[in-house]
Structures are given as C-alpha cells and as structure tokens.
PDB file of N, CA and C in Angstrom:
ATOM      1  N   MET A   1     232.607 -57.751 189.712  1.00  0.00           N
ATOM      2  CA  MET A   1     232.188 -57.049 190.454  1.00  0.00           C
ATOM      3  C   MET A   1     233.667 -56.188 191.658  1.00  0.00           C
ATOM      4  N   ILE A   2     232.963 -55.730 192.104  1.00  0.00           N
ATOM      5  CA  ILE A   2     233.515 -54.473 193.641  1.00  0.00           C
ATOM      6  C   ILE A   2     233.774 -55.640 194.512  1.00  0.00           C
ATOM      7  N   SER A   3     234.969 -55.192 194.965  1.00  0.00           N
ATOM      8  CA  SER A   3     235.889 -55.726 195.765  1.00  0.00           C
ATOM      9  C   SER A   3     234.685 -55.327 197.158  1.00  0.00           C
ATOM     10  N   LYS A   4     234.342 -56.216 198.353  1.00  0.00           N
ATOM     11  CA  LYS A   4     234.361 -55.453 199.337  1.00  0.00           C
ATOM     12  C   LYS A   4     235.754 -54.748 199.968  1.00  0.00           C
ATOM     13  N   GLY A   5     237.371 -54.879 200.189  1.00  0.00           N
ATOM     14  CA  GLY A   5     237.747 -54.431 200.764  1.00  0.00           C
ATOM     15  C   GLY A   5     238.495 -53.663 199.890  1.00  0.00           C
ATOM     16  N   THR A   6     238.961 -53.671 198.977  1.00  0.00           N
ATOM     17  CA  THR A   6     239.940 -52.841 197.548  1.00  0.00           C
ATOM     18  C   THR A   6     238.853 -51.676 197.147  1.00  0.00           C
ATOM     19  N   ARG A   7     237.888 -52.051 197.065  1.00  0.00           N
ATOM     20  CA  ARG A   7     236.480 -50.902 196.154  1.00  0.00           C
ATOM     21  C   ARG A   7     236.891 -51.543 195.115  1.00  0.00           C
ATOM     22  N   ILE A   8     238.126 -52.454 193.954  1.00  0.00           N
ATOM     23  CA  ILE A   8     238.238 -52.518 192.765  1.00  0.00           C
ATOM     24  C   ILE A   8     237.330 -53.161 191.995  1.00  0.00           C
ATOM     25  N   ARG A   9     236.861 -53.094 191.022  1.00  0.00           N
ATOM     26  CA  ARG A   9     236.548 -53.888 190.172  1.00  0.00           C
ATOM     27  C   ARG A   9     236.945 -55.581 189.479  1.00  0.00           C
ATOM     28  N   GLN A  10     236.693 -56.536 189.789  1.00  0.00           N
ATOM     29  CA  GLN A  10     237.726 -57.683 189.653  1.00  0.00           C
ATOM     30  C   GLN A  10     236.496 -58.438 188.778  1.00  0.00           C
ATOM     31  N   LEU A  11     237.424 -59.453 188.197  1.00  0.00           N
ATOM     32  CA  LEU A  11     236.485 -60.466 187.407  1.00  0.00           C
ATOM     33  C   LEU A  11     236.148 -61.569 188.492  1.00  0.00           C
ATOM     34  N   VAL A  12     235.159 -62.124 188.090  1.00  0.00           N
ATOM     35  CA  VAL A  12     234.894 -63.071 189.383  1.00  0.00           C
ATOM     36  C   VAL A  12     234.624 -64.574 188.571  1.00  0.00           C
ATOM     37  N   SER A  13     235.403 -66.041 189.574  1.00  0.00           N
ATOM     38  CA  SER A  13     235.041 -67.013 188.659  1.00  0.00           C
ATOM     39  C   SER A  13     233.082 -67.313 188.510  1.00  0.00           C
ATOM     40  N   ALA A  14     233.204 -68.242 187.710  1.00  0.00           N
ATOM     41  CA  ALA A  14     230.728 -68.487 188.091  1.00  0.00           C
ATOM     42  C   ALA A  14     231.516 -70.183 186.981  1.00  0.00           C
ATOM     43  N   SER A  15     230.584 -71.070 187.855  1.00  0.00           N
ATOM     44  CA  SER A  15     230.558 -71.988 186.960  1.00  0.00           C
ATOM     45  C   SER A  15     229.251 -72.048 185.277  1.00  0.00           C
ATOM     46  N   PRO A  16     229.424 -72.684 184.413  1.00  0.00           N
ATOM     47  CA  PRO A  16     228.256 -72.854 183.619  1.00  0.00           C
ATOM     48  C   PRO A  16     226.829 -72.114 183.777  1.00  0.00           C
ATOM     49  N   ASN A  17     226.789 -73.464 184.859  1.00  0.00           N
ATOM     50  CA  ASN A  17     225.662 -73.581 185.616  1.00  0.00           C
ATOM     51  C   ASN A  17     225.342 -72.043 185.998  1.00  0.00           C
ATOM     52  N   SER A  18     225.916 -71.213 186.186  1.00  0.00           N
ATOM     53  CA  SER A  18     225.548 -69.708 186.690  1.00  0.00           C
ATOM     54  C   SER A  18     224.900 -69.266 186.002  1.00  0.00           C
ATOM     55  N   PHE A  19     226.409 -69.572 184.303  1.00  0.00           N
ATOM     56  CA  PHE A  19     225.249 -68.502 183.259  1.00  0.00           C
ATOM     57  C   PHE A  19     224.033 -68.783 182.824  1.00  0.00           C
ATOM     58  N   ARG A  20     223.335 -70.019 182.717  1.00  0.00           N
ATOM     59  CA  ARG A  20     222.211 -70.650 182.962  1.00  0.00           C
ATOM     60  C   ARG A  20     221.149 -69.773 183.556  1.00  0.00           C
ATOM     61  N   HIS A  21     221.159 -70.372 184.370  1.00  0.00           N
ATOM     62  CA  HIS A  21     220.487 -68.699 185.715  1.00  0.00           C
ATOM     63  C   HIS A  21     220.569 -67.533 185.224  1.00  0.00           C
ATOM     64  N   LEU A  22     221.707 -67.090 185.156  1.00  0.00           N
ATOM     65  CA  LEU A  22     221.855 -65.589 184.968  1.00  0.00           C
ATOM     66  C   LEU A  22     221.150 -65.394 183.351  1.00  0.00           C
ATOM     67  N   GLY A  23     221.263 -66.465 182.519  1.00  0.00           N
ATOM     68  CA  GLY A  23     220.891 -65.700 181.762  1.00  0.00           C
ATOM     69  C   GLY A  23     218.864 -65.740 181.693  1.00  0.00           C
ATOM     70  N   SER A  24     218.651 -66.734 182.519  1.00  0.00           N
ATOM     71  CA  SER A  24     217.072 -67.522 182.748  1.00  0.00           C
ATOM     72  C   SER A  24     216.454 -65.552 183.627  1.00  0.00           C
ATOM     73  N   TYR A  25     217.469 -65.530 184.453  1.00  0.00           N
ATOM     74  CA  TYR A  25     217.142 -64.154 185.011  1.00  0.00           C
ATOM     75  C   TYR A  25     216.880 -62.629 184.464  1.00  0.00           C
ATOM     76  N   LEU A  26     217.956 -62.634 183.655  1.00  0.00           N
ATOM     77  CA  LEU A  26     218.144 -61.480 182.179  1.00  0.00           C
ATOM     78  C   LEU A  26     216.169 -61.676 181.276  1.00  0.00           C
ATOM     79  N   ALA A  27     216.212 -63.059 181.134  1.00  0.00           N
ATOM     80  CA  ALA A  27     215.179 -63.265 180.024  1.00  0.00           C
ATOM     81  C   ALA A  27     214.346 -63.006 180.758  1.00  0.00           C
ATOM     82  N   THR A  28     213.611 -62.671 182.033  1.00  0.00           N
ATOM     83  CA  THR A  28     212.691 -62.672 183.253  1.00  0.00           C
ATOM     84  C   THR A  28     212.501 -60.534 183.117  1.00  0.00           C
ATOM     85  N   ASP A  29     213.828 -60.450 183.375  1.00  0.00           N
ATOM     86  CA  ASP A  29     213.852 -59.505 184.064  1.00  0.00           C
ATOM     87  C   ASP A  29     214.711 -58.346 182.579  1.00  0.00           C
ATOM     88  N   GLY A  30     215.042 -58.611 182.116  1.00  0.00           N
ATOM     89  CA  GLY A  30     215.529 -57.842 181.080  1.00  0.00           C
ATOM     90  C   GLY A  30     216.787 -57.345 181.192  1.00  0.00           C
ATOM     91  N   LEU A  31     217.406 -56.716 181.169  1.00  0.00           N
ATOM     92  CA  LEU A  31     219.189 -56.568 180.551  1.00  0.00           C
ATOM     93  C   LEU A  31     218.815 -55.052 181.547  1.00  0.00           C
ATOM     94  N   PRO A  32     219.978 -55.347 181.939  1.00  0.00           N
ATOM     95  CA  PRO A  32     220.309 -53.691 182.450  1.00  0.00           C
ATOM     96  C   PRO A  32     220.649 -52.635 181.856  1.00  0.00           C
ATOM     97  N   ASP A  33     220.419 -51.706 181.947  1.00  0.00           N
ATOM     98  CA  ASP A  33     221.120 -50.479 180.956  1.00  0.00           C
ATOM     99  C   ASP A  33     222.329 -50.446 181.328  1.00  0.00           C
ATOM    100  N   PRO A  34     223.153 -49.704 180.105  1.00  0.00           N
ATOM    101  CA  PRO A  34     224.407 -49.647 179.757  1.00  0.00           C
ATOM    102  C   PRO A  34     224.835 -49.092 181.442  1.00  0.00           C
ATOM    103  N   GLY A  35     226.173 -49.944 182.132  1.00  0.00           N
ATOM    104  CA  GLY A  35     226.931 -49.618 183.369  1.00  0.00           C
ATOM    105  C   GLY A  35     226.081 -49.618 184.655  1.00  0.00           C
ATOM    106  N   GLN A  36     224.962 -50.189 184.732  1.00  0.00           N
ATOM    107  CA  GLN A  36     223.689 -49.885 186.197  1.00  0.00           C
ATOM    108  C   GLN A  36     224.201 -51.726 186.552  1.00  0.00           C
ATOM    109  N   PRO A  37     223.898 -51.896 187.606  1.00  0.00           N
ATOM    110  CA  PRO A  37     224.203 -53.712 188.208  1.00  0.00           C
ATOM    111  C   PRO A  37     223.395 -54.446 187.601  1.00  0.00           C
ATOM    112  N   VAL A  38     223.589 -55.684 187.483  1.00  0.00           N
ATOM    113  CA  VAL A  38     223.553 -57.025 186.568  1.00  0.00           C
ATOM    114  C   VAL A  38     221.676 -57.390 187.895  1.00  0.00           C
ATOM    115  N   TRP A  39     221.861 -57.250 189.001  1.00  0.00           N
ATOM    116  CA  TRP A  39     220.487 -57.422 190.377  1.00  0.00           C
ATOM    117  C   TRP A  39     220.046 -56.680 189.997  1.00  0.00           C
ATOM    118  N   ARG A  40     218.282 -56.301 190.057  1.00  0.00           N
ATOM    119  CA  ARG A  40     217.516 -55.223 190.526  1.00  0.00           C
ATOM    120  C   ARG A  40     216.410 -55.923 191.714  1.00  0.00           C
ATOM    121  N   THR A  41     215.974 -55.200 192.142  1.00  0.00           N
ATOM    122  CA  THR A  41     214.926 -55.276 192.832  1.00  0.00           C
ATOM    123  C   THR A  41     214.038 -55.827 192.158  1.00  0.00           C
ATOM    124  N   ARG A  42     213.196 -56.552 193.015  1.00  0.00           N
ATOM    125  CA  ARG A  42     211.451 -56.831 192.180  1.00  0.00           C
ATOM    126  C   ARG A  42     210.625 -56.310 192.937  1.00  0.00           C
ATOM    127  N   ARG A  43     210.699 -55.960 193.882  1.00  0.00           N
ATOM    128  CA  ARG A  43     209.722 -55.104 194.620  1.00  0.00           C
ATOM    129  C   ARG A  43     209.420 -53.867 194.591  1.00  0.00           C
ATOM    130  N   ASP A  44     208.421 -53.360 194.213  1.00  0.00           N
ATOM    131  CA  ASP A  44     208.388 -51.767 194.290  1.00  0.00           C
ATOM    132  C   ASP A  44     208.912 -51.508 192.425  1.00  0.00           C
ATOM    133  N   ASP A  45     209.506 -50.176 192.362  1.00  0.00           N
ATOM    134  CA  ASP A  45     210.002 -49.647 191.415  1.00  0.00           C
ATOM    135  C   ASP A  45     211.237 -50.202 191.452  1.00  0.00           C
ATOM    136  N   PRO A  46     211.941 -51.231 190.257  1.00  0.00           N
ATOM    137  CA  PRO A  46     213.345 -52.086 189.649  1.00  0.00           C
ATOM    138  C   PRO A  46     214.754 -51.011 190.017  1.00  0.00           C
ATOM    139  N   ARG A  47     215.179 -51.223 190.991  1.00  0.00           N
ATOM    140  CA  ARG A  47     216.543 -51.062 191.496  1.00  0.00           C
ATOM    141  C   ARG A  47     217.752 -51.619 191.614  1.00  0.00           C
ATOM    142  N   PRO A  48     218.623 -50.869 191.474  1.00  0.00           N
ATOM    143  CA  PRO A  48     220.149 -52.376 191.680  1.00  0.00           C
ATOM    144  C   PRO A  48     219.816 -52.141 193.529  1.00  0.00           C
ATOM    145  N   LEU A  49     220.279 -53.775 193.219  1.00  0.00           N
ATOM    146  CA  LEU A  49     219.872 -54.530 194.483  1.00  0.00           C
ATOM    147  C   LEU A  49     221.079 -53.790 195.293  1.00  0.00           C
ATOM    148  N   ALA A  50     220.682 -53.527 196.561  1.00  0.00           N
ATOM    149  CA  ALA A  50     221.141 -53.240 197.472  1.00  0.00           C
ATOM    150  C   ALA A  50     221.618 -54.745 198.473  1.00  0.00           C
ATOM    151  N   TYR A  51     222.580 -53.951 199.121  1.00  0.00           N
ATOM    152  CA  TYR A  51     223.681 -54.962 200.386  1.00  0.00           C
ATOM    153  C   TYR A  51     222.345 -55.518 200.621  1.00  0.00           C
ATOM    154  N   ARG A  52     222.048 -54.479 201.877  1.00  0.00           N
ATOM    155  CA  ARG A  52     220.540 -54.981 202.755  1.00  0.00           C
ATOM    156  C   ARG A  52     218.872 -55.420 202.195  1.00  0.00           C
ATOM    157  N   ALA A  53     219.306 -54.770 201.032  1.00  0.00           N
ATOM    158  CA  ALA A  53     217.851 -55.641 200.729  1.00  0.00           C
ATOM    159  C   ALA A  53     218.328 -56.828 199.771  1.00  0.00           C
ATOM    160  N   THR A  54     219.447 -57.486 199.515  1.00  0.00           N
ATOM    161  CA  THR A  54     220.348 -58.999 199.618  1.00  0.00           C
ATOM    162  C   THR A  54     219.910 -59.354 200.574  1.00  0.00           C
ATOM    163  N   ARG A  55     220.105 -58.450 201.999  1.00  0.00           N
ATOM    164  CA  ARG A  55     220.290 -59.573 203.168  1.00  0.00           C
ATOM    165  C   ARG A  55     218.983 -59.433 203.316  1.00  0.00           C
ATOM    166  N   ARG A  56     217.695 -59.142 203.281  1.00  0.00           N
ATOM    167  CA  ARG A  56     216.825 -59.574 203.583  1.00  0.00           C
ATOM    168  C   ARG A  56     215.760 -60.139 202.452  1.00  0.00           C
ATOM    169  N   ILE A  57     216.189 -61.404 201.915  1.00  0.00           N
ATOM    170  CA  ILE A  57     215.739 -62.435 200.914  1.00  0.00           C
ATOM    171  C   ILE A  57     215.218 -63.211 201.592  1.00  0.00           C
ATOM    172  N   PRO A  58     217.235 -63.470 202.557  1.00  0.00           N
ATOM    173  CA  PRO A  58     217.180 -64.988 203.668  1.00  0.00           C
ATOM    174  C   PRO A  58     216.224 -64.789 204.648  1.00  0.00           C
ATOM    175  N   GLN A  59     216.104 -63.043 204.781  1.00  0.00           N
ATOM    176  CA  GLN A  59     215.479 -63.130 206.330  1.00  0.00           C
ATOM    177  C   GLN A  59     213.859 -62.925 205.805  1.00  0.00           C
ATOM    178  N   ARG A  60     213.220 -63.265 204.961  1.00  0.00           N
ATOM    179  CA  ARG A  60     211.572 -62.641 204.478  1.00  0.00           C
ATOM    180  C   ARG A  60     211.585 -64.605 204.274  1.00  0.00           C
ATOM    181  N   ALA A  61     212.575 -65.296 203.668  1.00  0.00           N
ATOM    182  CA  ALA A  61     212.401 -66.679 203.813  1.00  0.00           C
ATOM    183  C   ALA A  61     212.243 -67.171 205.166  1.00  0.00           C
ATOM    184  N   ASN A  62     213.502 -66.306 206.086  1.00  0.00           N
ATOM    185  CA  ASN A  62     213.618 -67.873 207.522  1.00  0.00           C
ATOM    186  C   ASN A  62     211.998 -66.402 208.418  1.00  0.00           C
ATOM    187  N   ASP A  63     211.608 -65.830 208.013  1.00  0.00           N
ATOM    188  CA  ASP A  63     210.568 -65.696 208.611  1.00  0.00           C
ATOM    189  C   ASP A  63     208.993 -67.043 208.092  1.00  0.00           C
ATOM    190  N   GLU A  64     208.981 -67.180 206.731  1.00  0.00           N
ATOM    191  CA  GLU A  64     208.105 -67.679 206.312  1.00  0.00           C
ATOM    192  C   GLU A  64     208.403 -69.027 206.833  1.00  0.00           C
ATOM    193  N   LEU A  65     209.524 -69.639 207.517  1.00  0.00           N
ATOM    194  CA  LEU A  65     209.951 -71.362 207.416  1.00  0.00           C
ATOM    195  C   LEU A  65     210.219 -70.721 208.720  1.00  0.00           C
ATOM    196  N   GLY A  66     210.644 -70.565 209.360  1.00  0.00           N
ATOM    197  CA  GLY A  66     211.185 -70.205 211.005  1.00  0.00           C
ATOM    198  C   GLY A  66     212.446 -70.855 211.187  1.00  0.00           C
ATOM    199  N   THR A  67     213.303 -70.765 210.081  1.00  0.00           N
ATOM    200  CA  THR A  67     214.360 -71.052 209.885  1.00  0.00           C
ATOM    201  C   THR A  67     215.439 -69.354 210.157  1.00  0.00           C
ATOM    202  N   ASP A  68     216.876 -70.322 209.967  1.00  0.00           N
ATOM    203  CA  ASP A  68     217.888 -68.903 210.779  1.00  0.00           C
ATOM    204  C   ASP A  68     218.300 -68.773 209.726  1.00  0.00           C
ATOM    205  N   TRP A  69     218.967 -68.089 208.146  1.00  0.00           N
ATOM    206  CA  TRP A  69     219.669 -68.919 207.250  1.00  0.00           C
ATOM    207  C   TRP A  69     220.138 -66.922 207.172  1.00  0.00           C
ATOM    208  N   THR A  70     221.749 -67.096 206.857  1.00  0.00           N
ATOM    209  CA  THR A  70     222.114 -65.903 206.169  1.00  0.00           C
ATOM    210  C   THR A  70     222.921 -65.514 205.351  1.00  0.00           C
ATOM    211  N   LEU A  71     223.319 -64.919 204.311  1.00  0.00           N
ATOM    212  CA  LEU A  71     223.622 -64.834 203.343  1.00  0.00           C
ATOM    213  C   LEU A  71     225.366 -65.265 203.364  1.00  0.00           C
ATOM    214  N   HIS A  72     226.013 -65.355 204.737  1.00  0.00           N
ATOM    215  CA  HIS A  72     227.333 -65.990 205.159  1.00  0.00           C
ATOM    216  C   HIS A  72     226.643 -67.602 205.565  1.00  0.00           C
ATOM    217  N   ASP A  73     225.603 -67.870 205.603  1.00  0.00           N
ATOM    218  CA  ASP A  73     225.707 -69.160 205.673  1.00  0.00           C
ATOM    219  C   ASP A  73     225.549 -70.077 204.224  1.00  0.00           C
ATOM    220  N   ALA A  74     225.069 -69.379 203.315  1.00  0.00           N
ATOM    221  CA  ALA A  74     225.386 -69.919 201.904  1.00  0.00           C
ATOM    222  C   ALA A  74     226.707 -69.724 201.450  1.00  0.00           C
ATOM    223  N   ARG A  75     227.346 -68.974 201.821  1.00  0.00           N
ATOM    224  CA  ARG A  75     228.359 -68.813 200.922  1.00  0.00           C
ATOM    225  C   ARG A  75     229.523 -69.831 201.451  1.00  0.00           C
ATOM    226  N   HIS A  76     229.256 -70.253 203.217  1.00  0.00           N
ATOM    227  CA  HIS A  76     229.615 -71.743 203.445  1.00  0.00           C
ATOM    228  C   HIS A  76     229.537 -72.523 203.176  1.00  0.00           C
ATOM    229  N   THR A  77     228.286 -72.987 203.213  1.00  0.00           N
ATOM    230  CA  THR A  77     228.040 -74.418 202.472  1.00  0.00           C
ATOM    231  C   THR A  77     228.647 -74.182 201.266  1.00  0.00           C
ATOM    232  N   ALA A  78     228.514 -73.531 200.218  1.00  0.00           N
ATOM    233  CA  ALA A  78     228.908 -73.359 198.637  1.00  0.00           C
ATOM    234  C   ALA A  78     230.534 -73.626 198.975  1.00  0.00           C
ATOM    235  N   ALA A  79     231.157 -73.505 200.134  1.00  0.00           N
ATOM    236  CA  ALA A  79     233.030 -73.593 200.303  1.00  0.00           C
ATOM    237  C   ALA A  79     232.948 -74.816 200.374  1.00  0.00           C
ATOM    238  N   ALA A  80     232.479 -75.240 201.349  1.00  0.00           N
ATOM    239  CA  ALA A  80     232.326 -76.565 201.770  1.00  0.00           C
ATOM    240  C   ALA A  80     232.245 -77.867 200.547  1.00  0.00           C
ATOM    241  N   ARG A  81     231.346 -77.249 199.745  1.00  0.00           N
ATOM    242  CA  ARG A  81     230.801 -77.958 199.502  1.00  0.00           C
ATOM    243  C   ARG A  81     232.445 -77.964 197.938  1.00  0.00           C
ATOM    244  N   MET A  82     232.028 -76.802 198.050  1.00  0.00           N
ATOM    245  CA  MET A  82     233.874 -76.464 196.928  1.00  0.00           C
ATOM    246  C   MET A  82     234.992 -77.732 197.149  1.00  0.00           C
ATOM    247  N   ALA A  83     235.105 -76.857 198.572  1.00  0.00           N
ATOM    248  CA  ALA A  83     236.123 -78.148 198.837  1.00  0.00           C
ATOM    249  C   ALA A  83     235.852 -80.019 199.238  1.00  0.00           C
ATOM    250  N   GLY A  84     235.174 -80.372 199.521  1.00  0.00           N
ATOM    251  CA  GLY A  84     235.319 -81.373 198.975  1.00  0.00           C
ATOM    252  C   GLY A  84     234.823 -81.781 197.746  1.00  0.00           C
ATOM    253  N   ASP A  85     234.957 -80.873 197.045  1.00  0.00           N
ATOM    254  CA  ASP A  85     234.732 -81.943 194.929  1.00  0.00           C
ATOM    255  C   ASP A  85     235.944 -81.789 194.688  1.00  0.00           C
ATOM    256  N   GLU A  86     236.365 -82.798 194.818  1.00  0.00           N
ATOM    257  CA  GLU A  86     237.859 -83.384 194.149  1.00  0.00           C
ATOM    258  C   GLU A  86     238.453 -83.254 193.323  1.00  0.00           C
ATOM    259  N   PRO A  87     238.122 -82.635 192.463  1.00  0.00           N
ATOM    260  CA  PRO A  87     238.416 -81.749 191.150  1.00  0.00           C
ATOM    261  C   PRO A  87     239.359 -80.199 191.132  1.00  0.00           C
ATOM    262  N   LEU A  88     238.392 -79.545 192.567  1.00  0.00           N
ATOM    263  CA  LEU A  88     239.146 -78.562 193.509  1.00  0.00           C
ATOM    264  C   LEU A  88     239.747 -78.365 194.336  1.00  0.00           C
ATOM    265  N   THR A  89     241.441 -77.842 194.242  1.00  0.00           N
ATOM    266  CA  THR A  89     242.165 -78.163 195.093  1.00  0.00           C
ATOM    267  C   THR A  89     242.409 -77.068 196.069  1.00  0.00           C
ATOM    268  N   LEU A  90     242.303 -76.513 197.420  1.00  0.00           N
ATOM    269  CA  LEU A  90     242.304 -76.589 198.344  1.00  0.00           C
ATOM    270  C   LEU A  90     242.599 -74.686 197.636  1.00  0.00           C
ATOM    271  N   ALA A  91     243.190 -74.473 196.936  1.00  0.00           N
ATOM    272  CA  ALA A  91     244.029 -72.857 196.367  1.00  0.00           C
ATOM    273  C   ALA A  91     243.104 -72.442 195.729  1.00  0.00           C
ATOM    274  N   GLU A  92     242.356 -73.391 194.995  1.00  0.00           N
ATOM    275  CA  GLU A  92     241.591 -72.913 193.787  1.00  0.00           C
ATOM    276  C   GLU A  92     239.948 -72.708 194.598  1.00  0.00           C
ATOM    277  N   VAL A  93     239.734 -73.543 195.457  1.00  0.00           N
ATOM    278  CA  VAL A  93     238.788 -72.922 196.909  1.00  0.00           C
ATOM    279  C   VAL A  93     238.911 -71.224 196.707  1.00  0.00           C
ATOM    280  N   HIS A  94     240.215 -71.201 197.616  1.00  0.00           N
ATOM    281  CA  HIS A  94     240.518 -69.837 197.861  1.00  0.00           C
ATOM    282  C   HIS A  94     240.764 -68.551 197.145  1.00  0.00           C
ATOM    283  N   ALA A  95     240.746 -69.016 196.353  1.00  0.00           N
ATOM    284  CA  ALA A  95     241.112 -68.071 194.465  1.00  0.00           C
ATOM    285  C   ALA A  95     239.464 -67.476 194.593  1.00  0.00           C
ATOM    286  N   ILE A  96     238.822 -68.877 194.562  1.00  0.00           N
ATOM    287  CA  ILE A  96     237.733 -68.799 194.086  1.00  0.00           C
ATOM    288  C   ILE A  96     236.311 -67.242 194.967  1.00  0.00           C
ATOM    289  N   LEU A  97     236.786 -68.091 196.651  1.00  0.00           N
ATOM    290  CA  LEU A  97     236.095 -66.978 197.692  1.00  0.00           C
ATOM    291  C   LEU A  97     236.769 -65.719 197.964  1.00  0.00           C
ATOM    292  N   ARG A  98     237.946 -65.705 197.513  1.00  0.00           N
ATOM    293  CA  ARG A  98     238.299 -64.375 197.370  1.00  0.00           C
ATOM    294  C   ARG A  98     239.075 -64.145 198.150  1.00  0.00           C
ATOM    295  N   HIS A  99     239.315 -65.470 199.302  1.00  0.00           N
ATOM    296  CA  HIS A  99     239.635 -64.919 200.823  1.00  0.00           C
ATOM    297  C   HIS A  99     240.780 -64.614 200.834  1.00  0.00           C
ATOM    298  N   ALA A 100     241.140 -63.706 201.730  1.00  0.00           N
ATOM    299  CA  ALA A 100     243.126 -63.086 201.877  1.00  0.00           C
ATOM    300  C   ALA A 100     244.084 -63.892 202.361  1.00  0.00           C
ATOM    301  N   HIS A 101     243.578 -65.198 203.216  1.00  0.00           N
ATOM    302  CA  HIS A 101     244.515 -66.330 203.440  1.00  0.00           C
ATOM    303  C   HIS A 101     243.880 -67.306 203.837  1.00  0.00           C
ATOM    304  N   LEU A 102     245.156 -68.356 203.128  1.00  0.00           N
ATOM    305  CA  LEU A 102     244.582 -69.116 202.634  1.00  0.00           C
ATOM    306  C   LEU A 102     244.097 -70.284 204.213  1.00  0.00           C
ATOM    307  N   ASP A 103     244.476 -70.318 204.972  1.00  0.00           N
ATOM    308  CA  ASP A 103     243.816 -70.553 206.435  1.00  0.00           C
ATOM    309  C   ASP A 103     242.799 -69.892 206.344  1.00  0.00           C
ATOM    310  N   THR A 104     242.179 -68.790 205.983  1.00  0.00           N
ATOM    311  CA  THR A 104     240.671 -68.637 206.069  1.00  0.00           C
ATOM    312  C   THR A 104     239.460 -69.525 205.723  1.00  0.00           C
ATOM    313  N   THR A 105     240.204 -70.356 204.371  1.00  0.00           N
ATOM    314  CA  THR A 105     239.655 -70.766 203.041  1.00  0.00           C
ATOM    315  C   THR A 105     239.809 -72.702 204.418  1.00  0.00           C
ATOM    316  N   ALA A 106     240.452 -72.973 204.662  1.00  0.00           N
ATOM    317  CA  ALA A 106     241.144 -73.924 204.972  1.00  0.00           C
ATOM    318  C   ALA A 106     239.855 -74.414 206.359  1.00  0.00           C
ATOM    319  N   ALA A 107     239.145 -72.773 207.247  1.00  0.00           N
ATOM    320  CA  ALA A 107     238.492 -73.638 208.225  1.00  0.00           C
ATOM    321  C   ALA A 107     236.942 -73.171 207.834  1.00  0.00           C
ATOM    322  N   ALA A 108     237.055 -72.507 206.389  1.00  0.00           N
ATOM    323  CA  ALA A 108     235.814 -72.603 205.637  1.00  0.00           C
ATOM    324  C   ALA A 108     235.223 -74.062 206.233  1.00  0.00           C
TER     325      ALA A 108
END
C-alpha cells in the first residue's frame, strides 16, 4: 500500500482469510494489468478504485439500510476486535493499524 502520510509504498499485514477473499475477488474480476492497483470499480468502465469511490460503497449501503456507517467505523471495529483478541498485543495491533502513536491505538 502507499502510506497516507509519507506516500511511501509499504508492506501491509494480512490474514490468511483476507487472501482467500482477495483470491475470490481476482477470480471474478481478473488480474490487474502490471503496475495497476488491485482494487477496481465495478460500475461503468473498470478503473482503479479511488478513495472517493471507496467511500461511496458504504454510503450507498447506508442509503438502502437507513444506517450511518463509515469506512472509519469499519476500521475502528476491526481495531477493537483485534485488541480484544487474546493472541494479539496492543503493540501488534498498533503495527497492523499503522498508527503513528501507541496512545492512538490504545484509545481505539
């Protein structure tokens, strides 16, 4: 991934289950061209999935369901679940979330 703050390409931790989901996605949508982002839009002509388009996914679901969830809510829920998972330490959750400060992770 490319870091939001530094814009440097960095490795990201991923679970085996995430690779199963990625494999399913790629089996359906095909492999991207070399050097192109993995995630692409499914509406109109396929193109790289930009942040704005990614934000629209839960917004469309919210419109249908009458809810008010955001991408950040999903990240916060994942953080809380990881922090409550006995095998993971707070430092490991901090590394996975890539927070700049451990205090930010502890508050999540």
